[in-house]
Amino acid sequence: MNPAYDFTDRVAFVTGASSGMGLATARAFAEAGAAVALADIDARAVSAAARDLGAAGHRALGVPCDVSDEQQVAAAVDSTVAAFGRLDMAYNNAGVMVPPTDAAEESAEQFDLVQAVNLRGVWASMKHELRHMRAQGGGAVVNCSSLGGLVGNPGRAAYHASKHGVLGLTRSAALEYGARGVRINVVCPGTISTPMVDAMVAHGELDLARAEAGQAIARLGSVEEVAAAVLWLCSPGASYVTGVALPVDGGYTAQ
């Protein structure tokens, strides 16, 4: 059983929120009483997700947003504050995965795409969230890296570079903003049961049995387990926690 949080009168912003870990986290914030803005490049899907939360009695806003475009990110964050009056919590989750590529063969276009979403997208999101949190005098940001931010993996150089970069962004910003009342942490999910992982399995890019066997808890993680970690990092229970990279990986990186 997960802890119960009371985020009544709080506002959360979640990117990559139309499915997977983003949607599960947006739903968890809403069920804990927060108003939630869901941002995603898939306008139809994120609007439907926000409508579903609204139909369940929650305050939710769907915002189309390509996180690789800083102007769109700024507009999405500003729309959240305009709709709900403030911004207290953020989960910068949007990310992409590309097919495994030999490091000597990877194109500049593919490398730039991965960095634009996974690294610059987190940078832009955090930047514009912090503008509002700085003015308020407090807040909590959780960025999404990966176990790929903690280890390497053949064929995934560009992806792992982007996820390592998220750790550097997080740690530096945490040091800068701790005295301003804003805590900034990062979650590093392992192999989680998401549409992205399903696609990797379907395309032969991931051996499911090997993935499950390669960690202490021999199963895939659930999106709800990642959401639980994010909510804890945003909660008063983590009030003295900042600049931390929290693995949610079934023990993979303990090896």
Protein backbone atom coordinates (compact mmCIF):
# COMPACT_ATOMS: atom_id res chain seq x y z
CA MET A 1 0.00 0.00 0.00
CA ASN A 2 1.38 3.41 -0.96
CA PRO A 3 1.37 6.30 1.51
CA ALA A 4 -1.55 8.71 1.23
CA TYR A 5 -0.72 12.33 0.46
CA ASP A 6 -2.89 15.40 0.75
CA PHE A 7 -2.06 17.76 -2.11
CA THR A 8 -5.28 19.74 -1.80
CA ASP A 9 -4.82 23.31 -3.12
CA ARG A 10 -1.57 22.27 -4.81
CA VAL A 11 -0.90 22.33 -8.55
CA ALA A 12 1.17 19.82 -10.51
CA PHE A 13 2.55 19.90 -14.05
CA VAL A 14 3.48 16.66 -15.84
CA THR A 15 5.09 16.24 -19.27
CA GLY A 16 4.76 13.13 -21.39
CA ALA A 17 1.43 12.74 -19.62
CA SER A 18 -0.77 11.02 -22.19
CA SER A 19 0.38 7.49 -21.29
CA GLY A 20 2.79 5.38 -19.26
CA MET A 21 4.63 6.85 -16.30
CA GLY A 22 3.46 10.39 -17.03
CA LEU A 23 -0.21 9.51 -17.05
CA ALA A 24 0.11 7.32 -13.95
CA THR A 25 1.83 10.16 -12.11
CA ALA A 26 -0.71 12.76 -13.24
CA ARG A 27 -3.49 10.46 -12.04
CA ALA A 28 -1.74 9.92 -8.70
CA PHE A 29 -1.33 13.68 -8.19
CA ALA A 30 -5.02 14.18 -8.99
CA GLU A 31 -6.15 11.40 -6.67
CA ALA A 32 -4.12 13.05 -3.91
CA GLY A 33 -6.11 16.25 -4.39
CA ALA A 34 -3.88 18.32 -6.68
CA ALA A 35 -4.98 20.18 -9.77
CA VAL A 36 -2.96 18.73 -12.63
CA ALA A 37 -1.84 20.01 -16.02
CA LEU A 38 -1.02 17.19 -18.42
CA ALA A 39 1.35 18.17 -21.25
CA ASP A 40 2.15 15.96 -24.23
CA ILE A 41 3.02 16.18 -27.91
CA ASP A 42 -0.02 13.99 -28.70
CA ALA A 43 -2.76 16.61 -28.45
CA ARG A 44 -5.66 14.21 -28.89
CA ALA A 45 -4.39 11.69 -26.35
CA VAL A 46 -3.53 14.25 -23.68
CA SER A 47 -6.90 15.97 -24.08
CA ALA A 48 -8.63 12.62 -23.64
CA ALA A 49 -6.54 11.84 -20.55
CA ALA A 50 -7.43 15.21 -19.00
CA ARG A 51 -11.12 14.68 -19.80
CA ASP A 52 -11.03 11.29 -18.09
CA LEU A 53 -9.56 12.82 -14.95
CA GLY A 54 -12.14 15.59 -15.08
CA ALA A 55 -14.94 13.07 -15.42
CA ALA A 56 -13.65 11.37 -12.28
CA GLY A 57 -14.06 14.62 -10.36
CA HIS A 58 -10.50 15.94 -10.56
CA ARG A 59 -9.23 19.31 -11.74
CA ALA A 60 -7.23 18.60 -14.89
CA LEU A 61 -6.00 20.52 -17.91
CA GLY A 62 -4.67 18.97 -21.11
CA VAL A 63 -1.96 21.00 -22.83
CA PRO A 64 -0.47 20.06 -26.22
CA CYS A 65 3.29 20.58 -25.96
CA ASP A 66 6.42 19.50 -27.80
CA VAL A 67 9.08 19.76 -25.10
CA SER A 68 11.83 20.15 -27.68
CA ASP A 69 10.36 23.61 -28.44
CA GLU A 70 11.09 25.95 -25.55
CA GLN A 71 8.36 28.40 -26.56
CA GLN A 72 5.77 25.63 -26.34
CA VAL A 73 7.09 24.60 -22.93
CA ALA A 74 6.95 28.17 -21.62
CA ALA A 75 3.39 28.52 -22.91
CA ALA A 76 2.33 25.23 -21.32
CA VAL A 77 3.73 26.18 -17.92
CA ASP A 78 2.21 29.66 -18.14
CA SER A 79 -1.16 28.13 -19.12
CA THR A 80 -1.01 25.95 -16.03
CA VAL A 81 -0.46 28.93 -13.76
CA ALA A 82 -3.13 30.94 -15.55
CA ALA A 83 -5.65 28.13 -15.09
CA PHE A 84 -4.87 27.14 -11.51
CA GLY A 85 -3.14 30.17 -10.00
CA ARG A 86 0.18 28.64 -9.01
CA LEU A 87 2.64 25.79 -9.59
CA ASP A 88 3.85 23.61 -6.73
CA MET A 89 5.06 20.33 -8.24
CA ALA A 90 6.38 19.15 -11.57
CA TYR A 91 7.36 15.83 -13.10
CA ASN A 92 9.40 16.28 -16.28
CA ASN A 93 8.84 12.87 -17.82
CA ALA A 94 8.67 13.31 -21.60
CA GLY A 95 11.25 11.25 -23.45
CA VAL A 96 11.97 9.26 -26.57
CA MET A 97 13.86 6.08 -27.38
CA VAL A 98 15.39 5.34 -30.77
CA PRO A 99 16.50 1.96 -32.20
CA PRO A 100 19.88 0.71 -30.98
CA THR A 101 22.68 1.99 -33.19
CA ASP A 102 26.39 1.29 -33.45
CA ALA A 103 28.18 4.32 -32.00
CA ALA A 104 30.22 4.64 -35.20
CA GLU A 105 27.08 4.67 -37.34
CA GLU A 106 24.66 6.90 -35.47
CA SER A 107 23.49 9.92 -37.42
CA ALA A 108 23.74 13.47 -36.13
CA GLU A 109 20.00 13.80 -36.78
CA GLN A 110 19.19 10.89 -34.48
CA PHE A 111 21.56 12.14 -31.80
CA ASP A 112 20.07 15.64 -31.95
CA LEU A 113 16.50 14.30 -31.72
CA VAL A 114 17.26 12.33 -28.57
CA GLN A 115 19.01 15.26 -26.89
CA ALA A 116 16.27 17.69 -27.95
CA VAL A 117 13.55 15.73 -26.16
CA ASN A 118 15.30 13.88 -23.35
CA LEU A 119 17.76 16.55 -22.26
CA ARG A 120 16.80 19.95 -23.66
CA GLY A 121 13.13 19.16 -22.99
CA VAL A 122 13.89 18.59 -19.31
CA TRP A 123 16.07 21.71 -19.25
CA ALA A 124 13.31 23.86 -20.78
CA SER A 125 10.60 22.42 -18.55
CA MET A 126 12.62 22.92 -15.39
CA LYS A 127 13.67 26.42 -16.45
CA HIS A 128 10.11 27.68 -16.85
CA GLU A 129 8.77 25.82 -13.81
CA LEU A 130 11.49 27.43 -11.69
CA ARG A 131 10.51 30.91 -12.84
CA HIS A 132 7.15 30.46 -11.11
CA MET A 133 8.42 28.49 -8.12
CA ARG A 134 11.13 31.09 -7.51
CA ALA A 135 8.48 33.81 -7.38
CA GLN A 136 6.33 31.74 -5.01
CA GLY A 137 9.26 30.89 -2.77
CA GLY A 138 8.87 27.13 -2.96
CA GLY A 139 8.12 24.02 -4.95
CA ALA A 140 9.32 20.55 -5.89
CA VAL A 141 10.59 19.35 -9.27
CA VAL A 142 11.25 15.74 -10.24
CA ASN A 143 13.07 15.10 -13.50
CA CYS A 144 12.97 11.74 -15.24
CA SER A 145 16.27 10.13 -16.12
CA SER A 146 16.61 6.34 -16.36
CA LEU A 147 18.84 3.55 -15.21
CA GLY A 148 20.50 4.72 -18.44
CA GLY A 149 21.56 7.81 -16.51
CA LEU A 150 23.52 5.63 -14.11
CA VAL A 151 25.04 2.97 -16.39
CA GLY A 152 25.99 2.47 -20.03
CA ASN A 153 24.54 0.07 -22.57
CA PRO A 154 25.86 -0.98 -26.00
CA GLY A 155 23.96 0.54 -28.88
CA ARG A 156 22.42 3.27 -26.76
CA ALA A 157 25.14 5.93 -26.58
CA ALA A 158 22.94 8.89 -27.53
CA TYR A 159 20.11 7.83 -25.22
CA HIS A 160 22.41 7.25 -22.26
CA ALA A 161 24.20 10.54 -22.91
CA SER A 162 20.87 12.35 -22.66
CA LYS A 163 19.90 10.57 -19.46
CA HIS A 164 23.29 11.19 -17.83
CA GLY A 165 22.82 14.85 -18.74
CA VAL A 166 19.55 14.99 -16.80
CA LEU A 167 21.46 14.07 -13.64
CA GLY A 168 23.87 16.95 -14.14
CA LEU A 169 21.04 19.41 -14.72
CA THR A 170 19.23 18.19 -11.63
CA ARG A 171 22.18 18.25 -9.27
CA SER A 172 23.34 21.70 -10.34
CA ALA A 173 19.87 23.24 -10.15
CA ALA A 174 19.25 21.58 -6.77
CA LEU A 175 22.32 23.29 -5.36
CA GLU A 176 21.22 26.61 -6.81
CA TYR A 177 17.60 26.48 -5.65
CA GLY A 178 17.74 24.73 -2.27
CA ALA A 179 18.05 28.02 -0.40
CA ARG A 180 15.09 29.37 -2.39
CA GLY A 181 12.74 26.70 -1.11
CA VAL A 182 12.68 24.55 -4.23
CA ARG A 183 13.76 20.91 -4.08
CA ILE A 184 14.87 19.25 -7.33
CA ASN A 185 15.39 15.50 -7.63
CA VAL A 186 15.46 12.86 -10.34
CA VAL A 187 13.98 9.38 -10.68
CA CYS A 188 15.86 6.72 -12.62
CA PRO A 189 13.32 4.10 -13.72
CA GLY A 190 14.52 0.68 -14.76
CA THR A 191 12.58 -1.55 -17.14
CA ILE A 192 9.00 -0.43 -16.55
CA SER A 193 5.89 -1.85 -18.20
CA THR A 194 5.09 1.05 -20.54
CA PRO A 195 4.08 1.42 -24.20
CA MET A 196 7.73 2.30 -24.97
CA VAL A 197 8.99 -0.95 -23.45
CA ASP A 198 6.20 -2.91 -25.16
CA ALA A 199 7.38 -1.50 -28.49
CA MET A 200 11.00 -2.43 -27.75
CA VAL A 201 9.95 -6.01 -27.02
CA ALA A 202 7.79 -6.16 -30.15
CA HIS A 203 10.67 -4.92 -32.32
CA GLY A 204 13.16 -7.37 -30.85
CA GLU A 205 15.16 -4.63 -29.11
CA LEU A 206 14.57 -6.02 -25.62
CA ASP A 207 14.61 -9.61 -24.38
CA LEU A 208 11.91 -9.57 -21.71
CA ALA A 209 13.07 -12.71 -19.90
CA ARG A 210 16.66 -11.44 -19.70
CA ALA A 211 15.48 -8.05 -18.49
CA GLU A 212 13.43 -9.60 -15.71
CA ALA A 213 16.23 -11.95 -14.69
CA GLY A 214 18.83 -9.18 -14.60
CA GLN A 215 17.62 -7.53 -11.42
CA ALA A 216 16.95 -8.49 -7.81
CA ILE A 217 13.18 -8.07 -8.12
CA ALA A 218 12.69 -10.35 -11.11
CA ARG A 219 9.83 -8.63 -12.88
CA LEU A 220 9.09 -5.44 -14.73
CA GLY A 221 8.26 -2.39 -12.69
CA SER A 222 4.83 -0.80 -12.90
CA VAL A 223 4.05 2.78 -13.83
CA GLU A 224 2.32 3.14 -10.49
CA GLU A 225 5.57 2.29 -8.70
CA VAL A 226 7.34 5.12 -10.51
CA ALA A 227 4.46 7.47 -9.73
CA ALA A 228 4.73 6.56 -6.04
CA ALA A 229 8.40 7.54 -6.04
CA VAL A 230 7.63 10.87 -7.73
CA LEU A 231 4.86 11.72 -5.27
CA TRP A 232 7.11 10.92 -2.31
CA LEU A 233 9.84 13.20 -3.67
CA CYS A 234 7.25 15.99 -4.00
CA SER A 235 5.77 15.39 -0.55
CA PRO A 236 6.64 16.79 2.89
CA GLY A 237 8.04 13.32 3.64
CA ALA A 238 11.00 14.21 1.41
CA SER A 239 11.43 17.73 2.78
CA TYR A 240 15.17 17.24 3.38
CA VAL A 241 15.85 15.45 0.09
CA THR A 242 17.26 17.34 -2.88
CA GLY A 243 19.76 16.66 -5.65
CA VAL A 244 19.13 12.91 -5.38
CA ALA A 245 19.02 10.39 -8.26
CA LEU A 246 16.58 7.74 -7.04
CA PRO A 247 16.73 4.39 -8.87
CA VAL A 248 13.35 2.71 -9.29
CA ASP A 249 14.83 -0.28 -11.02
CA GLY A 250 14.20 -3.48 -9.08
CA GLY A 251 17.80 -3.52 -7.93
CA TYR A 252 19.45 -3.43 -11.36
CA THR A 253 22.00 -0.75 -10.46
CA ALA A 254 22.83 -2.41 -7.13
CA GLN A 255 24.94 -4.95 -9.04
